[in-house]
Amino acid sequence: MKLLVTGGAGFIGSNFIHYILKKYPDYQIVNLDLLTYAGNLENLKDLESNPNYKFVKGDIVDAKLVDGLVKDCDLIVNFAAESHVDRSILDASPFIQTNIVGTQTLLEAARNNGNKRFHHVSTDEVFGSLGPNDPAFDETTPYDPRSPYSAAKAASDHLVRAYYHTYGLPITISNCSNNYGPYHFPEKLFPLFITNLIEGKKVPLYGDGTNVRDWLFVEDHCKAIDLIIQKGRIGETYCVGGNAEKNNKEITYKILELMGRGEEMIEFVKDRPGHDKRYAIDFSKIKNELGWEPAVSFEDGLKKTIDWYKNNESWWKNIKSGEYKDYYAKQYGR
């Protein structure tokens, strides 16, 4: 099997590449990534000498480049996306280009090269915000995006389904809850709080800390994507959740507890504009059809994540200092 993985230098994409090459050592992977702020080749440094792994620096909106890569693959797994809500609030333009135009470029290449198998990785944020007693999101939940990021991802989901219905493109979609784990970019909640505490800095908690998310350990997510690719029904969407609804204050106190720090390390900061109150995922469909459910409990996953950041200080310090931006600069023209 030859995979084209887009956005493979990012957090979830790089974890997926590690997972696949470990489970299927005879698979071949081409990783197409533009290396924007969250793309980091240090995530995949240990695979540089692997003959079944190849990195290509490029943009998924580059139709000529994408077409050439799709010609030579059996399956496209699309992780490539601008994904940080705060950045989308400051400037939505990159989100429109990558998440919508880029996805359409990939779909068109898949269609023009023999209807290649296409898996699209999306988010629960396309469904909007839940009240405290609302039922969890599932595959039938109407779309109600609230940020430029989630609106762009919603549009990309609709395009993927349109190519299935219009052209018969063999697609699947997964909408996942919030991931955490190794290689998570340090502006996100878990790695920011963990690395700040290692450095003796306070942790910035939005608003009153009552916003709720469902948390999924990244390796469990990779397993779910693999199952969908191998056994999922063509044209279907699968919601992938962690069965771990937590509010931000709960998470903060748990991180403080596991790292031996007190609440004096919390700094409450102004809330994000339009901050969705609650996300939750009902993953009954993927459990019933494919036998998947999260294997890593929230506390175990958090302990693994803290240990990883403690043991990989050079990785995140390079990012926080900005030095990672120079990584492979000469080789890849950056």
Protein backbone atom coordinates (compact mmCIF):
# COMPACT_ATOMS: atom_id res chain seq x y z
CA MET A 1 0.00 0.00 0.00
CA LYS A 2 1.31 3.43 -0.97
CA LEU A 3 -0.09 6.31 1.09
CA LEU A 4 -0.01 10.02 0.43
CA VAL A 5 -0.32 11.64 3.84
CA THR A 6 -0.91 15.40 3.73
CA GLY A 7 0.01 17.49 6.73
CA GLY A 8 2.16 14.65 8.04
CA ALA A 9 4.65 16.93 9.78
CA GLY A 10 1.94 18.19 12.15
CA PHE A 11 0.82 16.76 15.46
CA ILE A 12 -1.73 14.10 14.49
CA GLY A 13 -0.25 13.46 11.05
CA SER A 14 3.22 12.66 12.38
CA ASN A 15 1.77 10.36 15.04
CA PHE A 16 -0.21 8.61 12.30
CA ILE A 17 2.89 8.10 10.13
CA HIS A 18 4.79 6.60 13.07
CA TYR A 19 1.83 4.35 13.86
CA ILE A 20 1.37 3.10 10.29
CA LEU A 21 5.05 2.39 9.57
CA LYS A 22 5.34 0.52 12.87
CA LYS A 23 2.22 -1.57 12.22
CA TYR A 24 2.74 -2.02 8.47
CA PRO A 25 6.51 -1.87 7.85
CA ASP A 26 6.05 -2.75 4.16
CA TYR A 27 3.75 0.24 3.50
CA GLN A 28 5.20 3.24 1.67
CA ILE A 29 4.37 6.77 2.80
CA VAL A 30 4.88 10.09 1.05
CA ASN A 31 4.41 12.99 3.45
CA LEU A 32 3.33 16.24 1.77
CA ASP A 33 3.59 19.22 4.11
CA LEU A 34 4.11 22.95 3.57
CA LEU A 35 5.93 23.30 6.92
CA THR A 36 3.90 26.23 8.16
CA TYR A 37 4.23 27.22 11.83
CA ALA A 38 2.91 23.88 13.17
CA GLY A 39 4.73 21.62 10.70
CA ASN A 40 7.92 20.32 12.26
CA LEU A 41 10.22 17.76 10.64
CA GLU A 42 11.77 16.97 14.01
CA ASN A 43 8.53 15.04 14.64
CA LEU A 44 9.73 12.52 12.04
CA LYS A 45 13.50 12.74 12.43
CA ASP A 46 13.78 9.04 13.30
CA LEU A 47 12.23 8.09 9.93
CA GLU A 48 14.63 10.03 7.70
CA SER A 49 16.62 6.91 6.80
CA ASN A 50 13.55 4.68 6.36
CA PRO A 51 13.38 3.69 2.65
CA ASN A 52 9.56 3.48 2.87
CA TYR A 53 9.22 7.10 3.98
CA LYS A 54 9.64 10.20 1.83
CA PHE A 55 9.04 13.86 2.63
CA VAL A 56 7.91 16.39 0.03
CA LYS A 57 7.67 20.05 0.93
CA GLY A 58 4.70 21.58 -0.84
CA ASP A 59 1.25 23.09 -0.65
CA ILE A 60 -1.94 21.09 -1.14
CA VAL A 61 -3.32 23.96 -3.24
CA ASP A 62 -0.54 23.33 -5.81
CA ALA A 63 -2.55 21.32 -8.35
CA LYS A 64 0.43 20.24 -10.47
CA LEU A 65 2.42 18.97 -7.51
CA VAL A 66 -0.59 17.25 -5.94
CA ASP A 67 -1.58 15.57 -9.20
CA GLY A 68 1.90 14.09 -9.63
CA LEU A 69 1.93 12.68 -6.11
CA VAL A 70 -1.61 11.30 -6.28
CA LYS A 71 -0.80 9.48 -9.53
CA ASP A 72 1.66 7.32 -7.64
CA CYS A 73 -0.40 6.47 -4.53
CA ASP A 74 -3.18 4.06 -3.57
CA LEU A 75 -4.70 6.12 -0.77
CA ILE A 76 -4.80 9.76 0.34
CA VAL A 77 -5.12 10.57 4.04
CA ASN A 78 -5.77 14.28 4.43
CA PHE A 79 -4.60 15.82 7.71
CA ALA A 80 -3.45 19.08 6.12
CA ALA A 81 -5.32 21.97 7.71
CA GLU A 82 -4.94 25.26 9.44
CA SER A 83 -6.33 24.25 12.80
CA HIS A 84 -5.83 26.83 15.52
CA VAL A 85 -9.04 28.69 16.38
CA ASP A 86 -7.28 31.77 17.79
CA ARG A 87 -5.26 32.19 14.59
CA SER A 88 -8.42 31.88 12.48
CA ILE A 89 -9.98 34.71 14.46
CA LEU A 90 -6.99 36.95 13.71
CA ASP A 91 -6.83 36.04 10.00
CA ALA A 92 -9.25 33.63 8.30
CA SER A 93 -7.63 33.75 4.84
CA PRO A 94 -5.10 30.90 5.28
CA PHE A 95 -7.89 28.71 6.65
CA ILE A 96 -10.00 29.24 3.53
CA GLN A 97 -7.07 28.48 1.24
CA THR A 98 -5.76 25.35 2.96
CA ASN A 99 -8.91 23.82 4.41
CA ILE A 100 -11.26 24.48 1.48
CA VAL A 101 -9.24 25.13 -1.69
CA GLY A 102 -6.57 22.62 -0.67
CA THR A 103 -9.10 19.89 0.01
CA GLN A 104 -10.79 20.51 -3.34
CA THR A 105 -7.41 20.32 -5.08
CA LEU A 106 -6.74 16.93 -3.48
CA LEU A 107 -10.21 15.65 -4.35
CA GLU A 108 -9.84 16.72 -7.96
CA ALA A 109 -6.48 14.95 -8.22
CA ALA A 110 -8.00 11.80 -6.70
CA ARG A 111 -10.87 11.93 -9.21
CA ASN A 112 -8.61 12.55 -12.20
CA ASN A 113 -6.27 9.69 -11.34
CA GLY A 114 -8.67 6.77 -11.30
CA ASN A 115 -10.86 7.69 -8.31
CA LYS A 116 -8.26 7.08 -5.61
CA ARG A 117 -9.36 6.13 -2.11
CA PHE A 118 -9.62 9.27 0.02
CA HIS A 119 -9.87 9.63 3.80
CA HIS A 120 -10.55 13.07 5.21
CA VAL A 121 -9.68 13.89 8.83
CA SER A 122 -12.05 16.45 10.33
CA THR A 123 -13.12 17.77 13.71
CA ASP A 124 -16.07 17.83 16.09
CA GLU A 125 -15.98 21.64 15.96
CA VAL A 126 -18.01 21.58 12.74
CA PHE A 127 -21.05 20.68 14.86
CA GLY A 128 -20.96 23.88 16.91
CA SER A 129 -21.45 24.12 20.66
CA LEU A 130 -23.43 21.99 23.11
CA GLY A 131 -25.32 22.98 26.23
CA PRO A 132 -24.52 21.16 29.49
CA ASN A 133 -27.37 18.66 29.06
CA ASP A 134 -27.43 18.30 25.26
CA PRO A 135 -26.76 14.86 23.77
CA ALA A 136 -23.27 14.33 22.37
CA PHE A 137 -22.47 14.94 18.70
CA ASP A 138 -22.90 12.01 16.36
CA GLU A 139 -22.89 11.47 12.60
CA THR A 140 -26.43 12.87 12.26
CA THR A 141 -25.78 16.14 14.12
CA PRO A 142 -26.44 19.20 11.91
CA TYR A 143 -23.40 21.35 11.14
CA ASP A 144 -23.23 24.64 13.05
CA PRO A 145 -19.63 25.96 12.94
CA ARG A 146 -18.87 28.99 15.12
CA SER A 147 -15.31 30.07 14.14
CA PRO A 148 -13.58 30.70 10.80
CA TYR A 149 -11.56 27.52 11.47
CA SER A 150 -14.58 25.27 12.03
CA ALA A 151 -16.48 26.90 9.15
CA ALA A 152 -13.60 26.11 6.79
CA LYS A 153 -13.44 22.52 8.04
CA ALA A 154 -17.22 22.17 7.63
CA ALA A 155 -16.92 23.36 4.04
CA SER A 156 -14.18 20.81 3.36
CA ASP A 157 -16.36 18.00 4.77
CA HIS A 158 -19.19 19.02 2.45
CA LEU A 159 -16.82 19.01 -0.53
CA VAL A 160 -15.60 15.50 0.30
CA ARG A 161 -19.17 14.21 0.47
CA ALA A 162 -20.05 16.04 -2.74
CA TYR A 163 -17.24 14.24 -4.60
CA TYR A 164 -18.63 10.93 -3.34
CA HIS A 165 -22.19 11.67 -4.44
CA THR A 166 -21.32 13.43 -7.70
CA TYR A 167 -18.31 11.48 -8.93
CA GLY A 168 -18.40 8.25 -6.95
CA LEU A 169 -15.07 9.03 -5.29
CA PRO A 170 -14.41 6.38 -2.61
CA ILE A 171 -14.24 8.53 0.49
CA THR A 172 -14.57 8.28 4.25
CA ILE A 173 -14.57 11.07 6.83
CA SER A 174 -13.70 11.03 10.51
CA ASN A 175 -14.72 13.78 12.93
CA CYS A 176 -12.63 13.56 16.07
CA SER A 177 -12.69 15.20 19.46
CA ASN A 178 -9.69 17.11 20.88
CA ASN A 179 -6.46 15.12 20.68
CA TYR A 180 -3.52 15.22 23.08
CA GLY A 181 -0.20 13.39 23.27
CA PRO A 182 3.38 13.50 21.93
CA TYR A 183 4.43 16.10 19.31
CA HIS A 184 1.50 18.40 20.19
CA PHE A 185 2.39 21.98 19.19
CA PRO A 186 3.11 23.96 22.40
CA GLU A 187 0.54 26.70 21.85
CA LYS A 188 -2.24 24.18 22.57
CA LEU A 189 -3.61 23.65 26.08
CA PHE A 190 -1.92 20.41 27.21
CA PRO A 191 1.62 21.05 25.94
CA LEU A 192 1.50 24.76 26.81
CA PHE A 193 0.53 24.07 30.40
CA ILE A 194 2.95 21.15 30.81
CA THR A 195 5.93 22.98 29.32
CA ASN A 196 5.15 26.21 31.19
CA LEU A 197 5.19 24.31 34.48
CA ILE A 198 8.48 22.62 33.59
CA GLU A 199 9.87 26.11 32.99
CA GLY A 200 8.40 27.43 36.25
CA LYS A 201 5.88 29.66 34.47
CA LYS A 202 2.17 30.08 35.18
CA VAL A 203 -0.54 28.47 33.05
CA PRO A 204 -3.01 30.80 31.26
CA LEU A 205 -6.60 29.59 31.77
CA TYR A 206 -9.29 31.09 29.52
CA GLY A 207 -12.28 32.76 31.20
CA ASP A 208 -13.69 30.82 34.15
CA GLY A 209 -12.30 27.50 32.92
CA THR A 210 -15.70 25.83 32.51
CA ASN A 211 -15.49 25.14 28.76
CA VAL A 212 -15.82 21.38 28.21
CA ARG A 213 -14.05 19.22 25.65
CA ASP A 214 -13.91 15.48 25.01
CA TRP A 215 -10.25 14.40 25.03
CA LEU A 216 -8.75 11.63 22.89
CA PHE A 217 -5.22 10.27 23.19
CA VAL A 218 -3.62 10.66 19.77
CA GLU A 219 -2.59 7.00 19.36
CA ASP A 220 -6.20 5.93 19.87
CA HIS A 221 -7.16 8.34 17.09
CA CYS A 222 -4.53 6.83 14.78
CA LYS A 223 -5.94 3.37 15.44
CA ALA A 224 -9.43 4.60 14.56
CA ILE A 225 -8.28 6.12 11.26
CA ASP A 226 -6.48 2.89 10.37
CA LEU A 227 -9.65 0.89 11.03
CA ILE A 228 -11.77 3.26 8.95
CA ILE A 229 -9.30 3.01 6.06
CA GLN A 230 -9.21 -0.78 6.24
CA LYS A 231 -12.83 -1.61 7.07
CA GLY A 232 -14.96 1.53 6.99
CA ARG A 233 -17.93 1.76 4.63
CA ILE A 234 -17.28 3.96 1.60
CA GLY A 235 -19.18 7.25 1.71
CA GLU A 236 -19.62 7.11 5.48
CA THR A 237 -18.61 9.41 8.31
CA TYR A 238 -17.35 8.13 11.66
CA CYS A 239 -17.23 10.18 14.86
CA VAL A 240 -14.18 9.38 17.00
CA GLY A 241 -14.28 10.38 20.68
CA GLY A 242 -12.21 9.81 23.79
CA ASN A 243 -15.02 9.18 26.30
CA ALA A 244 -13.34 11.81 28.49
CA GLU A 245 -15.37 15.00 28.85
CA LYS A 246 -13.43 17.45 31.01
CA ASN A 247 -13.66 21.16 31.57
CA ASN A 248 -10.51 23.24 31.27
CA LYS A 249 -10.33 23.87 35.01
CA GLU A 250 -10.45 20.11 35.75
CA ILE A 251 -7.63 19.52 33.27
CA THR A 252 -5.58 22.34 34.75
CA TYR A 253 -5.88 20.98 38.29
CA LYS A 254 -5.06 17.44 37.14
CA ILE A 255 -1.91 18.64 35.34
CA LEU A 256 -0.91 20.64 38.42
CA GLU A 257 -1.49 17.59 40.62
CA LEU A 258 0.52 15.22 38.43
CA MET A 259 3.35 17.73 38.18
CA GLY A 260 3.41 18.54 41.91
CA ARG A 261 2.37 22.17 41.58
CA GLY A 262 -0.38 24.23 43.24
CA GLU A 263 -3.19 26.51 42.09
CA GLU A 264 -0.97 29.54 42.57
CA MET A 265 0.42 28.62 39.13
CA ILE A 266 -2.92 29.44 37.43
CA GLU A 267 -3.32 32.78 35.67
CA PHE A 268 -6.87 33.51 34.51
CA VAL A 269 -6.91 35.33 31.16
CA LYS A 270 -9.58 36.95 29.01
CA ASP A 271 -11.77 34.40 27.24
CA ARG A 272 -11.55 33.70 23.51
CA PRO A 273 -14.22 35.46 21.36
CA GLY A 274 -17.09 33.07 20.55
CA HIS A 275 -15.56 30.33 22.72
CA ASP A 276 -17.71 27.20 22.26
CA LYS A 277 -18.98 25.98 25.61
CA ARG A 278 -18.96 22.21 25.20
CA TYR A 279 -18.04 19.48 22.72
CA ALA A 280 -18.80 15.80 23.21
CA ILE A 281 -18.69 12.81 20.84
CA ASP A 282 -20.93 9.76 20.68
CA PHE A 283 -18.71 7.13 19.02
CA SER A 284 -21.32 4.35 19.01
CA LYS A 285 -21.18 3.95 15.22
CA ILE A 286 -17.46 3.19 14.95
CA LYS A 287 -17.68 0.99 18.06
CA ASN A 288 -20.61 -1.03 16.71
CA GLU A 289 -19.41 -1.27 13.09
CA LEU A 290 -15.63 -1.53 13.46
CA GLY A 291 -15.09 -2.54 17.07
CA TRP A 292 -13.13 0.60 17.99
CA GLU A 293 -13.15 2.34 21.33
CA PRO A 294 -10.45 4.34 23.13
CA ALA A 295 -7.93 2.10 24.85
CA VAL A 296 -6.05 4.75 26.83
CA SER A 297 -7.78 6.32 29.84
CA PHE A 298 -7.56 10.07 30.31
CA GLU A 299 -5.30 9.87 33.36
CA ASP A 300 -2.97 7.31 31.76
CA GLY A 301 -2.81 9.34 28.57
CA LEU A 302 -2.06 12.51 30.51
CA LYS A 303 0.74 10.78 32.46
CA LYS A 304 2.24 9.51 29.18
CA THR A 305 2.01 12.99 27.71
CA ILE A 306 3.66 14.69 30.70
CA ASP A 307 6.46 12.09 30.66
CA TRP A 308 7.01 12.64 26.92
CA TYR A 309 7.41 16.41 27.34
CA LYS A 310 9.74 15.92 30.31
CA ASN A 311 11.87 13.55 28.23
CA ASN A 312 11.87 15.67 25.06
CA GLU A 313 12.73 19.16 26.28
CA SER A 314 14.91 19.99 23.28
CA TRP A 315 11.94 19.33 20.93
CA TRP A 316 9.56 21.81 22.57
CA LYS A 317 12.22 24.33 23.59
CA ASN A 318 13.20 24.66 19.92
CA ILE A 319 9.57 25.46 19.12
CA LYS A 320 9.02 27.89 21.97
CA SER A 321 12.24 29.73 21.08
CA GLY A 322 11.40 29.75 17.38
CA GLU A 323 14.53 27.77 16.46
CA TYR A 324 12.47 24.99 14.88
CA LYS A 325 11.63 27.39 12.04
CA ASP A 326 15.23 27.05 10.88
CA TYR A 327 15.16 23.25 10.90
CA TYR A 328 16.20 21.95 7.47
CA ALA A 329 15.96 25.55 6.23
CA LYS A 330 18.71 25.13 3.65
CA GLN A 331 17.48 21.77 2.37
CA TYR A 332 13.87 22.85 1.92
CA GLY A 333 14.30 26.53 1.15
CA ARG A 334 12.81 27.85 4.31
